[in-house]
Amino acid sequence: MQANRLFGFELVPFHDTIQLARYDAEDQGFFRWHADTIPADMSRKISIVVPLCDSTEYEGGALEFNENGAIRCPPQRAGAPIMFPSWLLHRVTPVTRG
C-alpha cells in the first residue's frame, strides 16, 4: 500500500502471480531491456525486485534502469526490496560469478 501511494497508483485487487527469476553464472543468467507493462495496459503497476543473495556472493546480475537514455543502477542488498513503476525500462546484466 505504501508503494502504491508513493507512485500515485490506486490500490486494486491483485490478479498476477509472482514471477521468480533465478540468475546464476552457470548459464550466464540475464534479462534483456524490457518493461513489465505498457502505459496503455496498466494491469501491472509496481514491480518489486528482492535480491536473495548478498552482492559479495556474485558478480554481474546488476539491475539497471533506463530513464530516457540515462542508465542507473540502484544498490542491491540481500532482502532489501527495490520497487519501481512497471512501465520503467529495466534489465539484469549477465551473472559472471555466483
Protein backbone atom coordinates (compact mmCIF):
# COMPACT_ATOMS: atom_id res chain seq x y z
CA MET A 1 0.00 0.00 0.00
CA GLN A 2 2.90 2.36 0.72
CA ALA A 3 4.38 1.72 -2.73
CA ASN A 4 1.02 2.45 -4.36
CA ARG A 5 0.82 5.78 -2.52
CA LEU A 6 4.47 6.59 -3.33
CA PHE A 7 3.91 6.14 -7.08
CA GLY A 8 0.39 7.64 -7.03
CA PHE A 9 -1.48 4.48 -8.02
CA GLU A 10 -4.90 3.37 -6.85
CA LEU A 11 -4.79 0.06 -5.00
CA VAL A 12 -6.82 -2.58 -6.85
CA PRO A 13 -7.12 -6.33 -6.39
CA PHE A 14 -4.11 -8.37 -7.46
CA HIS A 15 -4.51 -10.91 -10.25
CA ASP A 16 -0.92 -11.59 -11.34
CA THR A 17 1.12 -14.41 -9.92
CA ILE A 18 4.59 -13.92 -8.51
CA GLN A 19 7.39 -14.34 -11.04
CA LEU A 20 10.57 -15.80 -9.60
CA ALA A 21 13.68 -15.31 -11.73
CA ARG A 22 16.94 -17.04 -10.83
CA TYR A 23 20.19 -15.83 -12.36
CA ASP A 24 23.49 -17.70 -11.98
CA ALA A 25 26.91 -17.85 -13.61
CA GLU A 26 26.39 -21.42 -14.85
CA ASP A 27 24.06 -20.20 -17.58
CA GLN A 28 25.20 -16.52 -17.56
CA GLY A 29 21.68 -15.57 -16.40
CA PHE A 30 20.40 -12.17 -17.52
CA PHE A 31 17.26 -10.37 -18.68
CA ARG A 32 17.29 -8.02 -21.71
CA TRP A 33 15.88 -4.48 -21.63
CA HIS A 34 12.12 -4.67 -21.11
CA ALA A 35 9.15 -3.18 -19.27
CA ASP A 36 6.76 -5.28 -17.20
CA THR A 37 3.76 -3.45 -18.67
CA ILE A 38 2.93 -0.59 -21.01
CA PRO A 39 1.07 2.60 -20.05
CA ALA A 40 -1.91 1.61 -22.25
CA ASP A 41 -2.34 -1.62 -20.24
CA MET A 42 -1.67 -0.91 -16.59
CA SER A 43 -2.51 -4.40 -15.32
CA ARG A 44 0.85 -4.29 -13.57
CA LYS A 45 1.66 -1.05 -11.82
CA ILE A 46 4.56 -1.72 -9.49
CA SER A 47 7.39 -4.21 -9.90
CA ILE A 48 9.41 -5.34 -6.92
CA VAL A 49 12.84 -6.96 -7.09
CA VAL A 50 14.26 -8.56 -3.95
CA PRO A 51 17.87 -9.78 -4.18
CA LEU A 52 18.18 -13.02 -2.22
CA CYS A 53 21.99 -13.07 -2.06
CA ASP A 54 24.49 -10.52 -0.82
CA SER A 55 26.25 -8.77 -3.71
CA THR A 56 29.61 -10.14 -2.48
CA GLU A 57 28.39 -13.65 -3.43
CA TYR A 58 28.16 -12.93 -7.17
CA GLU A 59 29.43 -10.71 -9.98
CA GLY A 60 27.23 -9.16 -12.62
CA GLY A 61 23.49 -9.51 -12.11
CA ALA A 62 23.03 -5.76 -11.75
CA LEU A 63 19.51 -4.38 -12.02
CA GLU A 64 19.70 -1.37 -14.32
CA PHE A 65 17.08 1.23 -15.25
CA ASN A 66 16.99 3.22 -18.49
CA GLU A 67 15.25 6.52 -17.90
CA ASN A 68 15.26 8.38 -21.22
CA GLY A 69 18.76 7.14 -22.04
CA ALA A 70 20.21 7.70 -18.55
CA ILE A 71 21.27 4.35 -17.09
CA ARG A 72 21.18 4.00 -13.32
CA CYS A 73 21.85 1.06 -11.09
CA PRO A 74 20.27 1.06 -7.63
CA PRO A 75 22.21 -0.50 -4.75
CA GLN A 76 21.29 -4.15 -4.23
CA ARG A 77 21.29 -5.69 -0.74
CA ALA A 78 20.06 -9.16 0.15
CA GLY A 79 16.45 -8.96 1.33
CA ALA A 80 16.04 -5.25 0.53
CA PRO A 81 13.19 -4.68 -1.95
CA ILE A 82 13.66 -2.41 -4.96
CA MET A 83 10.28 -1.04 -6.11
CA PHE A 84 9.66 0.77 -9.37
CA PRO A 85 6.82 1.58 -11.80
CA SER A 86 6.28 -1.46 -14.05
CA TRP A 87 6.46 0.64 -17.23
CA LEU A 88 10.08 1.64 -16.48
CA LEU A 89 12.60 0.10 -18.88
CA HIS A 90 14.97 -2.20 -16.98
CA ARG A 91 17.28 -5.19 -17.33
CA VAL A 92 19.54 -7.55 -15.35
CA THR A 93 23.13 -7.76 -16.57
CA PRO A 94 24.69 -11.24 -17.08
CA VAL A 95 25.87 -13.02 -13.94
CA THR A 96 29.52 -13.95 -14.39
CA ARG A 97 30.20 -15.48 -10.96
CA GLY A 98 27.99 -16.94 -8.26
